[in-house]
Amino acid sequence: MVQEKKDTLIDFPCDFPIKIIGIVSEEFTSVIVDIIQKHLPKFDAHKIEMKGSSGGKYISLTCTLHVVSKNQLDDIYREISSHPMTKFVL
């Protein structure tokens, strides 16, 4: 039996946490939630963990996403990281 080569170490579907860092603003969290819900309509924004930086300039959002494929995760990651309000995505 020949086994197909996987292009990821992640087994899908799964819950996958991502951390998004951006400059503190009134819109940042809602923009990120809108992007995620575009791909995952059932994403619960109340489960986001938020933490401000010690200097108060940045905020990090930890969002645990229930994703079903590598493509879905990659699409979400690309859209969040390309948004001008986002500084880093881990």
PDB file of N, CA and C in Angstrom:
ATOM      1  N   MET A   1       0.841  -1.182   0.000  1.00  0.00           N
ATOM      2  CA  MET A   1       0.000   0.000   0.000  1.00  0.00           C
ATOM      3  C   MET A   1       0.886   1.245   0.000  1.00  0.00           C
ATOM      4  N   VAL A   2       0.616   2.181  -0.893  1.00  0.00           N
ATOM      5  CA  VAL A   2       1.370   3.421  -0.996  1.00  0.00           C
ATOM      6  C   VAL A   2       0.644   4.497  -0.206  1.00  0.00           C
ATOM      7  N   GLN A   3       1.383   5.161   0.674  1.00  0.00           N
ATOM      8  CA  GLN A   3       0.787   6.220   1.500  1.00  0.00           C
ATOM      9  C   GLN A   3       1.046   7.569   0.840  1.00  0.00           C
ATOM     10  N   GLU A   4      -0.014   8.400   0.775  1.00  0.00           N
ATOM     11  CA  GLU A   4       0.146   9.729   0.200  1.00  0.00           C
ATOM     12  C   GLU A   4       0.961  10.609   1.133  1.00  0.00           C
ATOM     13  N   LYS A   5       1.794  11.437   0.534  1.00  0.00           N
ATOM     14  CA  LYS A   5       2.591  12.378   1.317  1.00  0.00           C
ATOM     15  C   LYS A   5       1.708  13.532   1.770  1.00  0.00           C
ATOM     16  N   LYS A   6       1.738  13.829   3.072  1.00  0.00           N
ATOM     17  CA  LYS A   6       0.973  14.952   3.609  1.00  0.00           C
ATOM     18  C   LYS A   6       1.799  16.219   3.476  1.00  0.00           C
ATOM     19  N   ASP A   7       1.144  17.336   3.175  1.00  0.00           N
ATOM     20  CA  ASP A   7       1.859  18.604   3.079  1.00  0.00           C
ATOM     21  C   ASP A   7       1.744  19.409   4.368  1.00  0.00           C
ATOM     22  N   THR A   8       1.246  18.771   5.433  1.00  0.00           N
ATOM     23  CA  THR A   8       1.134  19.432   6.723  1.00  0.00           C
ATOM     24  C   THR A   8       1.212  18.396   7.836  1.00  0.00           C
ATOM     25  N   LEU A   9       1.646  18.832   9.003  1.00  0.00           N
ATOM     26  CA  LEU A   9       1.681  17.946  10.169  1.00  0.00           C
ATOM     27  C   LEU A   9       0.388  18.025  10.976  1.00  0.00           C
ATOM     28  N   ILE A  10      -0.516  18.887  10.562  1.00  0.00           N
ATOM     29  CA  ILE A  10      -1.770  19.110  11.278  1.00  0.00           C
ATOM     30  C   ILE A  10      -2.821  18.142  10.744  1.00  0.00           C
ATOM     31  N   ASP A  11      -3.547  17.503  11.657  1.00  0.00           N
ATOM     32  CA  ASP A  11      -4.660  16.645  11.267  1.00  0.00           C
ATOM     33  C   ASP A  11      -5.943  17.465  11.282  1.00  0.00           C
ATOM     34  N   PHE A  12      -6.615  17.536  10.146  1.00  0.00           N
ATOM     35  CA  PHE A  12      -7.854  18.307  10.016  1.00  0.00           C
ATOM     36  C   PHE A  12      -9.038  17.367  10.043  1.00  0.00           C
ATOM     37  N   PRO A  13     -10.181  17.819  10.543  1.00  0.00           N
ATOM     38  CA  PRO A  13     -10.463  19.121  11.161  1.00  0.00           C
ATOM     39  C   PRO A  13      -9.826  19.212  12.546  1.00  0.00           C
ATOM     40  N   CYS A  14      -9.607  20.450  12.997  1.00  0.00           N
ATOM     41  CA  CYS A  14      -8.999  20.661  14.309  1.00  0.00           C
ATOM     42  C   CYS A  14      -9.286  22.076  14.808  1.00  0.00           C
ATOM     43  N   ASP A  15      -9.045  22.283  16.094  1.00  0.00           N
ATOM     44  CA  ASP A  15      -9.072  23.619  16.678  1.00  0.00           C
ATOM     45  C   ASP A  15      -7.646  24.143  16.632  1.00  0.00           C
ATOM     46  N   PHE A  16      -7.459  25.285  15.995  1.00  0.00           N
ATOM     47  CA  PHE A  16      -6.119  25.818  15.772  1.00  0.00           C
ATOM     48  C   PHE A  16      -6.040  27.246  16.300  1.00  0.00           C
ATOM     49  N   PRO A  17      -5.191  27.490  17.311  1.00  0.00           N
ATOM     50  CA  PRO A  17      -5.072  28.852  17.845  1.00  0.00           C
ATOM     51  C   PRO A  17      -4.137  29.709  16.990  1.00  0.00           C
ATOM     52  N   ILE A  18      -4.564  30.934  16.710  1.00  0.00           N
ATOM     53  CA  ILE A  18      -3.678  31.894  16.061  1.00  0.00           C
ATOM     54  C   ILE A  18      -3.642  33.158  16.915  1.00  0.00           C
ATOM     55  N   LYS A  19      -2.490  33.802  16.923  1.00  0.00           N
ATOM     56  CA  LYS A  19      -2.330  35.048  17.667  1.00  0.00           C
ATOM     57  C   LYS A  19      -2.126  36.158  16.660  1.00  0.00           C
ATOM     58  N   ILE A  20      -2.942  37.203  16.799  1.00  0.00           N
ATOM     59  CA  ILE A  20      -2.895  38.340  15.881  1.00  0.00           C
ATOM     60  C   ILE A  20      -2.513  39.571  16.689  1.00  0.00           C
ATOM     61  N   ILE A  21      -1.490  40.278  16.248  1.00  0.00           N
ATOM     62  CA  ILE A  21      -1.016  41.463  16.958  1.00  0.00           C
ATOM     63  C   ILE A  21      -1.218  42.677  16.066  1.00  0.00           C
ATOM     64  N   GLY A  22      -1.806  43.714  16.662  1.00  0.00           N
ATOM     65  CA  GLY A  22      -2.050  44.943  15.925  1.00  0.00           C
ATOM     66  C   GLY A  22      -1.992  46.144  16.846  1.00  0.00           C
ATOM     67  N   ILE A  23      -2.062  47.319  16.260  1.00  0.00           N
ATOM     68  CA  ILE A  23      -2.066  48.556  17.035  1.00  0.00           C
ATOM     69  C   ILE A  23      -3.447  48.724  17.659  1.00  0.00           C
ATOM     70  N   VAL A  24      -3.466  49.142  18.918  1.00  0.00           N
ATOM     71  CA  VAL A  24      -4.723  49.342  19.632  1.00  0.00           C
ATOM     72  C   VAL A  24      -5.571  50.378  18.898  1.00  0.00           C
ATOM     73  N   SER A  25      -6.816  49.987  18.600  1.00  0.00           N
ATOM     74  CA  SER A  25      -7.785  50.911  18.011  1.00  0.00           C
ATOM     75  C   SER A  25      -9.168  50.339  18.285  1.00  0.00           C
ATOM     76  N   GLU A  26     -10.170  51.183  18.143  1.00  0.00           N
ATOM     77  CA  GLU A  26     -11.535  50.726  18.383  1.00  0.00           C
ATOM     78  C   GLU A  26     -11.972  49.679  17.365  1.00  0.00           C
ATOM     79  N   GLU A  27     -11.438  49.729  16.162  1.00  0.00           N
ATOM     80  CA  GLU A  27     -11.895  48.859  15.089  1.00  0.00           C
ATOM     81  C   GLU A  27     -11.138  47.541  14.960  1.00  0.00           C
ATOM     82  N   PHE A  28      -9.944  47.440  15.525  1.00  0.00           N
ATOM     83  CA  PHE A  28      -9.080  46.293  15.247  1.00  0.00           C
ATOM     84  C   PHE A  28      -9.766  44.951  15.509  1.00  0.00           C
ATOM     85  N   THR A  29     -10.320  44.763  16.694  1.00  0.00           N
ATOM     86  CA  THR A  29     -10.935  43.484  17.030  1.00  0.00           C
ATOM     87  C   THR A  29     -12.104  43.168  16.100  1.00  0.00           C
ATOM     88  N   SER A  30     -12.956  44.158  15.835  1.00  0.00           N
ATOM     89  CA  SER A  30     -14.113  43.882  14.977  1.00  0.00           C
ATOM     90  C   SER A  30     -13.693  43.572  13.541  1.00  0.00           C
ATOM     91  N   VAL A  31     -12.635  44.202  13.057  1.00  0.00           N
ATOM     92  CA  VAL A  31     -12.127  43.906  11.714  1.00  0.00           C
ATOM     93  C   VAL A  31     -11.638  42.460  11.646  1.00  0.00           C
ATOM     94  N   ILE A  32     -10.891  42.030  12.650  1.00  0.00           N
ATOM     95  CA  ILE A  32     -10.369  40.662  12.687  1.00  0.00           C
ATOM     96  C   ILE A  32     -11.522  39.659  12.771  1.00  0.00           C
ATOM     97  N   VAL A  33     -12.501  39.936  13.621  1.00  0.00           N
ATOM     98  CA  VAL A  33     -13.663  39.049  13.746  1.00  0.00           C
ATOM     99  C   VAL A  33     -14.398  38.954  12.415  1.00  0.00           C
ATOM    100  N   ASP A  34     -14.572  40.072  11.727  1.00  0.00           N
ATOM    101  CA  ASP A  34     -15.246  40.057  10.427  1.00  0.00           C
ATOM    102  C   ASP A  34     -14.506  39.181   9.414  1.00  0.00           C
ATOM    103  N   ILE A  35     -13.191  39.276   9.405  1.00  0.00           N
ATOM    104  CA  ILE A  35     -12.392  38.458   8.484  1.00  0.00           C
ATOM    105  C   ILE A  35     -12.578  36.981   8.811  1.00  0.00           C
ATOM    106  N   ILE A  36     -12.460  36.644  10.092  1.00  0.00           N
ATOM    107  CA  ILE A  36     -12.585  35.239  10.492  1.00  0.00           C
ATOM    108  C   ILE A  36     -13.987  34.713  10.169  1.00  0.00           C
ATOM    109  N   GLN A  37     -15.014  35.500  10.490  1.00  0.00           N
ATOM    110  CA  GLN A  37     -16.385  35.037  10.258  1.00  0.00           C
ATOM    111  C   GLN A  37     -16.731  34.932   8.782  1.00  0.00           C
ATOM    112  N   LYS A  38     -16.004  35.617   7.944  1.00  0.00           N
ATOM    113  CA  LYS A  38     -16.179  35.459   6.497  1.00  0.00           C
ATOM    114  C   LYS A  38     -15.838  34.024   6.079  1.00  0.00           C
ATOM    115  N   HIS A  39     -14.831  33.450   6.740  1.00  0.00           N
ATOM    116  CA  HIS A  39     -14.381  32.090   6.443  1.00  0.00           C
ATOM    117  C   HIS A  39     -15.048  31.051   7.347  1.00  0.00           C
ATOM    118  N   LEU A  40     -15.352  31.478   8.592  1.00  0.00           N
ATOM    119  CA  LEU A  40     -15.952  30.587   9.594  1.00  0.00           C
ATOM    120  C   LEU A  40     -17.155  31.288  10.217  1.00  0.00           C
ATOM    121  N   PRO A  41     -18.311  31.227   9.579  1.00  0.00           N
ATOM    122  CA  PRO A  41     -19.481  31.977  10.058  1.00  0.00           C
ATOM    123  C   PRO A  41     -19.879  31.682  11.509  1.00  0.00           C
ATOM    124  N   LYS A  42     -19.546  30.503  12.010  1.00  0.00           N
ATOM    125  CA  LYS A  42     -19.938  30.147  13.382  1.00  0.00           C
ATOM    126  C   LYS A  42     -18.886  30.529  14.428  1.00  0.00           C
ATOM    127  N   PHE A  43     -17.837  31.238  14.025  1.00  0.00           N
ATOM    128  CA  PHE A  43     -16.791  31.638  14.977  1.00  0.00           C
ATOM    129  C   PHE A  43     -17.397  32.501  16.075  1.00  0.00           C
ATOM    130  N   ASP A  44     -17.121  32.140  17.329  1.00  0.00           N
ATOM    131  CA  ASP A  44     -17.651  32.847  18.490  1.00  0.00           C
ATOM    132  C   ASP A  44     -16.638  33.898  18.959  1.00  0.00           C
ATOM    133  N   ALA A  45     -16.925  35.162  18.698  1.00  0.00           N
ATOM    134  CA  ALA A  45     -16.017  36.259  19.047  1.00  0.00           C
ATOM    135  C   ALA A  45     -15.837  36.418  20.555  1.00  0.00           C
ATOM    136  N   HIS A  46     -16.752  35.885  21.346  1.00  0.00           N
ATOM    137  CA  HIS A  46     -16.644  36.002  22.802  1.00  0.00           C
ATOM    138  C   HIS A  46     -15.509  35.144  23.373  1.00  0.00           C
ATOM    139  N   LYS A  47     -14.980  34.233  22.575  1.00  0.00           N
ATOM    140  CA  LYS A  47     -13.908  33.356  23.048  1.00  0.00           C
ATOM    141  C   LYS A  47     -12.514  33.893  22.723  1.00  0.00           C
ATOM    142  N   ILE A  48     -12.437  35.095  22.194  1.00  0.00           N
ATOM    143  CA  ILE A  48     -11.133  35.698  21.884  1.00  0.00           C
ATOM    144  C   ILE A  48     -10.457  36.104  23.189  1.00  0.00           C
ATOM    145  N   GLU A  49      -9.195  35.760  23.317  1.00  0.00           N
ATOM    146  CA  GLU A  49      -8.398  36.205  24.455  1.00  0.00           C
ATOM    147  C   GLU A  49      -7.625  37.444  24.014  1.00  0.00           C
ATOM    148  N   MET A  50      -7.776  38.541  24.779  1.00  0.00           N
ATOM    149  CA  MET A  50      -7.111  39.800  24.437  1.00  0.00           C
ATOM    150  C   MET A  50      -6.091  40.159  25.509  1.00  0.00           C
ATOM    151  N   LYS A  51      -4.972  40.688  25.041  1.00  0.00           N
ATOM    152  CA  LYS A  51      -3.942  41.136  25.978  1.00  0.00           C
ATOM    153  C   LYS A  51      -3.258  42.363  25.388  1.00  0.00           C
ATOM    154  N   GLY A  52      -3.182  43.417  26.181  1.00  0.00           N
ATOM    155  CA  GLY A  52      -2.499  44.627  25.751  1.00  0.00           C
ATOM    156  C   GLY A  52      -1.014  44.552  26.040  1.00  0.00           C
ATOM    157  N   SER A  53      -0.238  45.294  25.286  1.00  0.00           N
ATOM    158  CA  SER A  53       1.206  45.351  25.528  1.00  0.00           C
ATOM    159  C   SER A  53       1.485  46.217  26.750  1.00  0.00           C
ATOM    160  N   SER A  54       2.670  46.084  27.295  1.00  0.00           N
ATOM    161  CA  SER A  54       3.018  46.859  28.504  1.00  0.00           C
ATOM    162  C   SER A  54       3.008  48.352  28.228  1.00  0.00           C
ATOM    163  N   GLY A  55       3.332  48.764  27.011  1.00  0.00           N
ATOM    164  CA  GLY A  55       3.324  50.180  26.656  1.00  0.00           C
ATOM    165  C   GLY A  55       1.955  50.691  26.222  1.00  0.00           C
ATOM    166  N   GLY A  56       1.001  49.777  26.027  1.00  0.00           N
ATOM    167  CA  GLY A  56      -0.349  50.157  25.652  1.00  0.00           C
ATOM    168  C   GLY A  56      -0.562  50.476  24.186  1.00  0.00           C
ATOM    169  N   LYS A  57       0.469  50.274  23.352  1.00  0.00           N
ATOM    170  CA  LYS A  57       0.338  50.612  21.927  1.00  0.00           C
ATOM    171  C   LYS A  57      -0.229  49.450  21.105  1.00  0.00           C
ATOM    172  N   TYR A  58       0.031  48.221  21.538  1.00  0.00           N
ATOM    173  CA  TYR A  58      -0.369  47.043  20.776  1.00  0.00           C
ATOM    174  C   TYR A  58      -1.342  46.176  21.563  1.00  0.00           C
ATOM    175  N   ILE A  59      -2.109  45.385  20.831  1.00  0.00           N
ATOM    176  CA  ILE A  59      -3.002  44.406  21.440  1.00  0.00           C
ATOM    177  C   ILE A  59      -2.790  43.081  20.717  1.00  0.00           C
ATOM    178  N   SER A  60      -2.842  41.988  21.486  1.00  0.00           N
ATOM    179  CA  SER A  60      -2.778  40.675  20.850  1.00  0.00           C
ATOM    180  C   SER A  60      -4.110  39.975  21.076  1.00  0.00           C
ATOM    181  N   LEU A  61      -4.577  39.341  20.021  1.00  0.00           N
ATOM    182  CA  LEU A  61      -5.818  38.575  20.066  1.00  0.00           C
ATOM    183  C   LEU A  61      -5.460  37.122  19.814  1.00  0.00           C
ATOM    184  N   THR A  62      -5.837  36.243  20.724  1.00  0.00           N
ATOM    185  CA  THR A  62      -5.664  34.817  20.484  1.00  0.00           C
ATOM    186  C   THR A  62      -7.029  34.256  20.129  1.00  0.00           C
ATOM    187  N   CYS A  63      -7.120  33.731  18.918  1.00  0.00           N
ATOM    188  CA  CYS A  63      -8.382  33.215  18.388  1.00  0.00           C
ATOM    189  C   CYS A  63      -8.188  31.729  18.088  1.00  0.00           C
ATOM    190  N   THR A  64      -9.030  30.897  18.672  1.00  0.00           N
ATOM    191  CA  THR A  64      -8.974  29.473  18.374  1.00  0.00           C
ATOM    192  C   THR A  64     -10.015  29.173  17.311  1.00  0.00           C
ATOM    193  N   LEU A  65      -9.547  28.716  16.174  1.00  0.00           N
ATOM    194  CA  LEU A  65     -10.389  28.505  15.001  1.00  0.00           C
ATOM    195  C   LEU A  65     -10.615  27.021  14.770  1.00  0.00           C
ATOM    196  N   HIS A  66     -11.839  26.646  14.501  1.00  0.00           N
ATOM    197  CA  HIS A  66     -12.128  25.258  14.121  1.00  0.00           C
ATOM    198  C   HIS A  66     -12.072  25.202  12.592  1.00  0.00           C
ATOM    199  N   VAL A  67     -10.968  24.681  12.090  1.00  0.00           N
ATOM    200  CA  VAL A  67     -10.735  24.650  10.649  1.00  0.00           C
ATOM    201  C   VAL A  67     -10.817  23.218  10.136  1.00  0.00           C
ATOM    202  N   VAL A  68     -11.228  23.080   8.878  1.00  0.00           N
ATOM    203  CA  VAL A  68     -11.423  21.748   8.306  1.00  0.00           C
ATOM    204  C   VAL A  68     -10.367  21.368   7.278  1.00  0.00           C
ATOM    205  N   SER A  69      -9.538  22.344   6.867  1.00  0.00           N
ATOM    206  CA  SER A  69      -8.514  22.025   5.867  1.00  0.00           C
ATOM    207  C   SER A  69      -7.349  23.007   5.955  1.00  0.00           C
ATOM    208  N   LYS A  70      -6.234  22.595   5.382  1.00  0.00           N
ATOM    209  CA  LYS A  70      -5.058  23.460   5.307  1.00  0.00           C
ATOM    210  C   LYS A  70      -5.377  24.691   4.467  1.00  0.00           C
ATOM    211  N   ASN A  71      -6.099  24.509   3.363  1.00  0.00           N
ATOM    212  CA  ASN A  71      -6.451  25.645   2.505  1.00  0.00           C
ATOM    213  C   ASN A  71      -7.278  26.680   3.253  1.00  0.00           C
ATOM    214  N   GLN A  72      -8.227  26.216   4.048  1.00  0.00           N
ATOM    215  CA  GLN A  72      -9.059  27.141   4.817  1.00  0.00           C
ATOM    216  C   GLN A  72      -8.191  27.935   5.809  1.00  0.00           C
ATOM    217  N   LEU A  73      -7.318  27.250   6.532  1.00  0.00           N
ATOM    218  CA  LEU A  73      -6.436  27.915   7.485  1.00  0.00           C
ATOM    219  C   LEU A  73      -5.511  28.894   6.770  1.00  0.00           C
ATOM    220  N   ASP A  74      -4.943  28.489   5.646  1.00  0.00           N
ATOM    221  CA  ASP A  74      -4.051  29.359   4.878  1.00  0.00           C
ATOM    222  C   ASP A  74      -4.780  30.613   4.381  1.00  0.00           C
ATOM    223  N   ASP A  75      -6.017  30.443   3.914  1.00  0.00           N
ATOM    224  CA  ASP A  75      -6.797  31.586   3.427  1.00  0.00           C
ATOM    225  C   ASP A  75      -7.061  32.599   4.546  1.00  0.00           C
ATOM    226  N   ILE A  76      -7.419  32.097   5.719  1.00  0.00           N
ATOM    227  CA  ILE A  76      -7.669  32.982   6.868  1.00  0.00           C
ATOM    228  C   ILE A  76      -6.381  33.704   7.255  1.00  0.00           C
ATOM    229  N   TYR A  77      -5.293  32.955   7.358  1.00  0.00           N
ATOM    230  CA  TYR A  77      -4.001  33.520   7.730  1.00  0.00           C
ATOM    231  C   TYR A  77      -3.569  34.605   6.735  1.00  0.00           C
ATOM    232  N   ARG A  78      -3.702  34.331   5.445  1.00  0.00           N
ATOM    233  CA  ARG A  78      -3.298  35.301   4.410  1.00  0.00           C
ATOM    234  C   ARG A  78      -4.112  36.584   4.507  1.00  0.00           C
ATOM    235  N   GLU A  79      -5.433  36.447   4.683  1.00  0.00           N
ATOM    236  CA  GLU A  79      -6.269  37.642   4.715  1.00  0.00           C
ATOM    237  C   GLU A  79      -6.003  38.482   5.961  1.00  0.00           C
ATOM    238  N   ILE A  80      -5.828  37.821   7.105  1.00  0.00           N
ATOM    239  CA  ILE A  80      -5.538  38.568   8.338  1.00  0.00           C
ATOM    240  C   ILE A  80      -4.171  39.239   8.235  1.00  0.00           C
ATOM    241  N   SER A  81      -3.150  38.495   7.771  1.00  0.00           N
ATOM    242  CA  SER A  81      -1.810  39.086   7.725  1.00  0.00           C
ATOM    243  C   SER A  81      -1.669  40.196   6.708  1.00  0.00           C
ATOM    244  N   SER A  82      -2.501  40.193   5.665  1.00  0.00           N
ATOM    245  CA  SER A  82      -2.388  41.249   4.667  1.00  0.00           C
ATOM    246  C   SER A  82      -3.179  42.503   5.033  1.00  0.00           C
ATOM    247  N   HIS A  83      -3.979  42.440   6.085  1.00  0.00           N
ATOM    248  CA  HIS A  83      -4.751  43.616   6.482  1.00  0.00           C
ATOM    249  C   HIS A  83      -3.805  44.678   7.056  1.00  0.00           C
ATOM    250  N   PRO A  84      -3.977  45.944   6.690  1.00  0.00           N
ATOM    251  CA  PRO A  84      -3.051  46.997   7.148  1.00  0.00           C
ATOM    252  C   PRO A  84      -3.031  47.234   8.662  1.00  0.00           C
ATOM    253  N   MET A  85      -4.069  46.830   9.380  1.00  0.00           N
ATOM    254  CA  MET A  85      -4.077  47.024  10.826  1.00  0.00           C
ATOM    255  C   MET A  85      -3.307  45.937  11.562  1.00  0.00           C
ATOM    256  N   THR A  86      -2.978  44.847  10.873  1.00  0.00           N
ATOM    257  CA  THR A  86      -2.271  43.715  11.474  1.00  0.00           C
ATOM    258  C   THR A  86      -0.770  43.927  11.378  1.00  0.00           C
ATOM    259  N   LYS A  87      -0.092  43.707  12.501  1.00  0.00           N
ATOM    260  CA  LYS A  87       1.375  43.805  12.509  1.00  0.00           C
ATOM    261  C   LYS A  87       2.016  42.426  12.378  1.00  0.00           C
ATOM    262  N   PHE A  88       1.505  41.429  13.123  1.00  0.00           N
ATOM    263  CA  PHE A  88       2.051  40.057  13.092  1.00  0.00           C
ATOM    264  C   PHE A  88       0.915  39.054  13.263  1.00  0.00           C
ATOM    265  N   VAL A  89       1.110  37.881  12.694  1.00  0.00           N
ATOM    266  CA  VAL A  89       0.207  36.759  12.932  1.00  0.00           C
ATOM    267  C   VAL A  89       1.085  35.541  13.229  1.00  0.00           C
ATOM    268  N   LEU A  90       0.820  34.917  14.356  1.00  0.00           N
ATOM    269  CA  LEU A  90       1.592  33.735  14.751  1.00  0.00           C
ATOM    270  C   LEU A  90       0.689  32.533  14.851  1.00  0.00           C
TER     271      LEU A  90
END
